[in-house]
Amino acid sequence: MVTSSILKKPERLRHIPVIFLTGMDSSEDLVKGLTVLGAEGYIRKPFNRDEMIAQVKVMLRLKKAEDRQ
């Protein structure tokens, strides 16, 4: 299973927010993805293109705000 910590292990990747795109669609999966596995976002398949773009835009805004602090 891929976790956010595995993806962010290299120093050069630690600043990049992770959004899981997955076929796992239960509420328990979502909570686990965000809390245990460390994702900043979670999109269920089949996904809506506009929803995915909106999620990415939110992550970019949050990252910019975090970088300003």
C-alpha atoms as a PDB file:
ATOM      1  CA  MET A   1       0.000   0.000   0.000  1.00  0.00           C
ATOM      2  CA  VAL A   2       1.327   3.406  -0.942  1.00  0.00           C
ATOM      3  CA  THR A   3       1.363   6.002   1.797  1.00  0.00           C
ATOM      4  CA  SER A   4       2.005   9.703   1.701  1.00  0.00           C
ATOM      5  CA  SER A   5       5.130   9.185   3.817  1.00  0.00           C
ATOM      6  CA  ILE A   6       6.590   6.825   1.190  1.00  0.00           C
ATOM      7  CA  LEU A   7       5.908   9.334  -1.572  1.00  0.00           C
ATOM      8  CA  LYS A   8       7.389  12.154   0.496  1.00  0.00           C
ATOM      9  CA  LYS A   9      10.467  10.289   1.710  1.00  0.00           C
ATOM     10  CA  PRO A  10      12.854  12.088  -0.665  1.00  0.00           C
ATOM     11  CA  GLU A  11      13.554  15.581   0.706  1.00  0.00           C
ATOM     12  CA  ARG A  12      12.802  17.194  -2.656  1.00  0.00           C
ATOM     13  CA  LEU A  13       9.227  15.796  -2.600  1.00  0.00           C
ATOM     14  CA  ARG A  14       8.203  16.601   0.989  1.00  0.00           C
ATOM     15  CA  HIS A  15       6.537  19.882   0.108  1.00  0.00           C
ATOM     16  CA  ILE A  16       4.183  18.380  -2.486  1.00  0.00           C
ATOM     17  CA  PRO A  17       0.596  17.723  -1.292  1.00  0.00           C
ATOM     18  CA  VAL A  18      -0.704  14.207  -2.011  1.00  0.00           C
ATOM     19  CA  ILE A  19      -4.219  13.553  -3.305  1.00  0.00           C
ATOM     20  CA  PHE A  20      -5.218   9.895  -3.498  1.00  0.00           C
ATOM     21  CA  LEU A  21      -7.249   8.868  -6.549  1.00  0.00           C
ATOM     22  CA  THR A  22      -8.767   5.526  -5.652  1.00  0.00           C
ATOM     23  CA  GLY A  23     -11.499   3.016  -6.261  1.00  0.00           C
ATOM     24  CA  MET A  24     -11.790   2.448  -2.513  1.00  0.00           C
ATOM     25  CA  ASP A  25     -14.986   4.280  -1.698  1.00  0.00           C
ATOM     26  CA  SER A  26     -16.113   3.585   1.847  1.00  0.00           C
ATOM     27  CA  SER A  27     -16.082   6.266   4.528  1.00  0.00           C
ATOM     28  CA  GLU A  28     -13.564   4.166   6.446  1.00  0.00           C
ATOM     29  CA  ASP A  29     -11.230   4.198   3.423  1.00  0.00           C
ATOM     30  CA  LEU A  30     -11.498   7.975   3.137  1.00  0.00           C
ATOM     31  CA  VAL A  31     -10.747   8.495   6.840  1.00  0.00           C
ATOM     32  CA  LYS A  32      -7.812   6.070   6.679  1.00  0.00           C
ATOM     33  CA  GLY A  33      -6.424   7.781   3.578  1.00  0.00           C
ATOM     34  CA  LEU A  34      -6.539  11.209   5.189  1.00  0.00           C
ATOM     35  CA  THR A  35      -5.533  10.344   8.748  1.00  0.00           C
ATOM     36  CA  VAL A  36      -3.479   7.151   8.738  1.00  0.00           C
ATOM     37  CA  LEU A  37      -1.895   7.277   5.285  1.00  0.00           C
ATOM     38  CA  GLY A  38      -1.341  11.044   5.318  1.00  0.00           C
ATOM     39  CA  ALA A  39      -3.048  12.243   2.144  1.00  0.00           C
ATOM     40  CA  GLU A  40      -4.105  15.870   1.920  1.00  0.00           C
ATOM     41  CA  GLY A  41      -6.937  14.997  -0.461  1.00  0.00           C
ATOM     42  CA  TYR A  42      -8.977  11.966  -1.496  1.00  0.00           C
ATOM     43  CA  ILE A  43     -10.888  11.503  -4.755  1.00  0.00           C
ATOM     44  CA  ARG A  44     -13.004   8.425  -5.380  1.00  0.00           C
ATOM     45  CA  LYS A  45     -13.280   6.676  -8.763  1.00  0.00           C
ATOM     46  CA  PRO A  46     -15.074   7.051 -10.999  1.00  0.00           C
ATOM     47  CA  PHE A  47     -14.148  10.685 -10.617  1.00  0.00           C
ATOM     48  CA  ASN A  48     -15.595  13.843 -12.022  1.00  0.00           C
ATOM     49  CA  ARG A  49     -13.013  15.893 -13.933  1.00  0.00           C
ATOM     50  CA  ASP A  50     -14.241  19.221 -12.521  1.00  0.00           C
ATOM     51  CA  GLU A  51     -14.167  17.839  -8.975  1.00  0.00           C
ATOM     52  CA  MET A  52     -10.586  16.677  -9.446  1.00  0.00           C
ATOM     53  CA  ILE A  53      -9.506  20.063 -10.823  1.00  0.00           C
ATOM     54  CA  ALA A  54     -11.222  21.807  -7.905  1.00  0.00           C
ATOM     55  CA  GLN A  55      -9.381  19.560  -5.413  1.00  0.00           C
ATOM     56  CA  VAL A  56      -6.033  20.322  -7.030  1.00  0.00           C
ATOM     57  CA  LYS A  57      -6.751  24.075  -6.977  1.00  0.00           C
ATOM     58  CA  VAL A  58      -7.631  23.911  -3.276  1.00  0.00           C
ATOM     59  CA  MET A  59      -4.408  22.031  -2.526  1.00  0.00           C
ATOM     60  CA  LEU A  60      -2.397  24.630  -4.451  1.00  0.00           C
ATOM     61  CA  ARG A  61      -4.055  27.499  -2.523  1.00  0.00           C
ATOM     62  CA  LEU A  62      -3.377  25.765   0.796  1.00  0.00           C
ATOM     63  CA  LYS A  63       0.232  25.111  -0.166  1.00  0.00           C
ATOM     64  CA  LYS A  64       0.774  28.746  -1.178  1.00  0.00           C
ATOM     65  CA  ALA A  65      -0.738  29.946   2.105  1.00  0.00           C
ATOM     66  CA  GLU A  66       1.447  27.514   4.058  1.00  0.00           C
ATOM     67  CA  ASP A  67       4.565  28.694   2.219  1.00  0.00           C
ATOM     68  CA  ARG A  68       3.817  32.336   3.099  1.00  0.00           C
ATOM     69  CA  GLN A  69       3.858  31.586   6.829  1.00  0.00           C
END
